[in-house]
Amino acid sequence: MNRWKVAFLLLIALLITATVIFVLWIGSPSEKTIIPEPKAASEGHVLTVKTTKEDFEGIANSYIMDEMKTRPLPVTLTIENQILLTTELTIFSFKLPVIMRFDPIVEPDGNLRLVQTGVEVGKLEIEPETVLKLLKDSVAFPEWMIVRPDEEDVYIDLSRIPMKSNVEVRAKEFNLEQDEITLEILVPNN
């Protein structure tokens, strides 16, 4: 047999093997992500702040950029009538734009749960759970952003965001249609 034929057959076998491994990896169940117990409520003074979608978007992206200062920014948060997380996935050296749509839910402990309502990956139709699994496995998010593919949501633990002067932030209301976002800032007693 000609050595070019052998090389060609080896290349085809390598591509088929890589494709099968990639498909098996994407199809495998992700490990269960556990949300940490909420911090005990601190004593202090509560300041209630009302803000707009635009202001909250700027603040959120600032904190994300601050956490990712040494790494390229993997996601951008945009707030319209839903919360949008935009990123890019590189698959076989192709960059695919990814837009994930979420509805925010304020948890009783003041943290946010972003429930995925839709996903756009280029022109491909991929299940939301698969996109979240890829995102979780390929991007090192800050510890306060917990991606949970099985639940198809992203949990934002506002109590674990590092703040100056040890203040804590809790979500009170997140009404995007009315452009009303209410946050509580807890200033601890010193």
Foldseek 3Di string as FASTA:
>chain_A
DDVVVVVVVVVVVVVVVVVVVVVVVLPDDDDADDDDDADDDFDFDKDKDKAFQVVVQVVVQVLQCVVQVPHPRAWHWHAAQWIWTWGWDQDPNDTWIKIWTFHWDFDPSQWIKTATDDMDTHPDDDDLLSVLVSCVVPDDGPPQWARGSVRRIIIGNQQPRDDPQNKGKGWDDDRNVVRITMIMIGRHDD
